[in-house]
Protein backbone atom coordinates (compact mmCIF):
# COMPACT_ATOMS: atom_id res chain seq x y z
CA MET A 1 3.16 33.79 12.15
CA PRO A 2 6.53 35.49 11.54
CA PHE A 3 8.53 34.74 8.39
CA SER A 4 11.00 31.86 8.62
CA TRP A 5 14.02 31.27 6.37
CA ASP A 6 13.88 27.55 7.20
CA ASP A 7 14.01 25.44 4.00
CA ARG A 8 14.13 28.54 1.76
CA TYR A 9 16.35 28.55 -1.32
CA VAL A 10 18.45 31.68 -1.46
CA LEU A 11 20.88 33.41 -3.78
CA ARG A 12 23.92 34.63 -1.88
CA ARG A 13 27.63 35.23 -2.37
CA VAL A 14 29.84 32.15 -2.61
CA ASP A 15 32.57 33.92 -0.61
CA ASP A 16 30.19 35.26 2.05
CA ASN A 17 32.35 36.49 4.92
CA ASP A 18 29.84 38.41 7.05
CA PRO A 19 30.18 36.83 10.51
CA ARG A 20 26.61 37.69 11.55
CA HIS A 21 24.29 37.43 8.55
CA HIS A 22 23.58 35.58 5.32
CA ARG A 23 23.08 38.39 2.77
CA ILE A 24 20.23 37.19 0.57
CA TYR A 25 19.60 38.75 -2.83
CA LYS A 26 16.72 36.49 -3.90
CA HIS A 27 14.76 33.72 -2.21
CA SER A 28 12.14 31.15 -3.14
CA ALA A 29 10.41 28.02 -1.90
CA VAL A 30 11.56 26.35 -5.16
CA ALA A 31 15.25 26.01 -6.06
CA GLY A 32 14.57 26.27 -9.80
CA ALA A 33 13.09 29.75 -9.40
CA ILE A 34 16.62 31.12 -8.93
CA THR A 35 18.73 30.96 -12.10
CA ASP A 36 21.74 32.57 -13.72
CA ALA A 37 19.32 35.05 -15.30
CA ASP A 38 19.33 36.64 -11.82
CA ASN A 39 22.56 38.49 -12.49
CA HIS A 40 22.06 42.10 -11.37
CA PHE A 41 20.72 43.58 -8.14
CA SER A 42 20.38 47.23 -7.22
CA HIS A 43 18.66 46.75 -3.86
CA ALA A 44 20.08 45.99 -0.43
CA PRO A 45 20.04 42.28 0.48
CA ASP A 46 17.73 40.69 3.02
CA LEU A 47 19.50 39.41 6.13
CA ALA A 48 19.17 36.06 7.92
CA ALA A 49 21.05 35.51 11.17
CA LYS A 50 23.85 32.94 10.93
CA ARG A 51 23.32 32.03 14.58
CA ARG A 52 19.82 30.80 13.60
CA TYR A 53 20.32 29.36 10.08
CA ASP A 54 22.90 27.18 8.38
CA ALA A 55 23.44 27.48 4.62
CA ARG A 56 24.15 24.47 2.39
CA ARG A 57 25.09 25.02 -1.24
CA ILE A 58 22.73 23.17 -3.59
CA ASP A 59 25.07 22.52 -6.54
CA PRO A 60 28.75 23.06 -5.73
CA ALA A 61 29.63 23.22 -9.43
CA SER A 62 27.10 25.94 -10.25
CA ALA A 63 27.92 29.59 -9.57
CA TRP A 64 27.63 32.70 -11.73
CA ALA A 65 28.75 36.30 -11.82
CA VAL A 66 26.28 38.82 -10.41
CA SER A 67 26.71 42.57 -10.57
CA LEU A 68 25.75 44.66 -7.58
CA SER A 69 25.11 48.39 -7.90
CA GLY A 70 28.10 50.32 -6.61
CA ASN A 71 30.14 47.13 -6.11
CA PRO A 72 32.21 44.87 -8.29
CA THR A 73 30.83 41.71 -9.83
CA VAL A 74 30.78 38.80 -7.37
CA MET A 75 30.18 35.06 -7.68
CA MET A 76 26.86 33.80 -6.30
CA ALA A 77 25.13 30.44 -6.02
CA VAL A 78 21.94 28.89 -4.68
CA PHE A 79 21.93 27.71 -1.06
CA VAL A 80 19.22 26.25 1.15
CA LEU A 81 18.85 27.67 4.66
CA ARG A 82 18.01 25.37 7.57
CA ARG A 83 17.21 26.36 11.13
CA LEU A 84 19.94 25.39 13.58
CA PRO A 85 18.90 23.30 16.59
């Protein structure tokens, strides 16, 4: 069975403006597994197609600064992905 992003909790940019993909830096089946201790990433993000998955922010008040190698620090938060009908 292929991997599905459906009901996965993901760490992604708050200001995500990629029209085609959610750029995912960490994911988990449990929301609490992603915390503000996840604040630096040096690898390329995983991609999930926006035409297949909607992203809903878990806690609108919670976001934190994350540094990306070769890029400025950006604000990220936890979202849950759901398959679109």
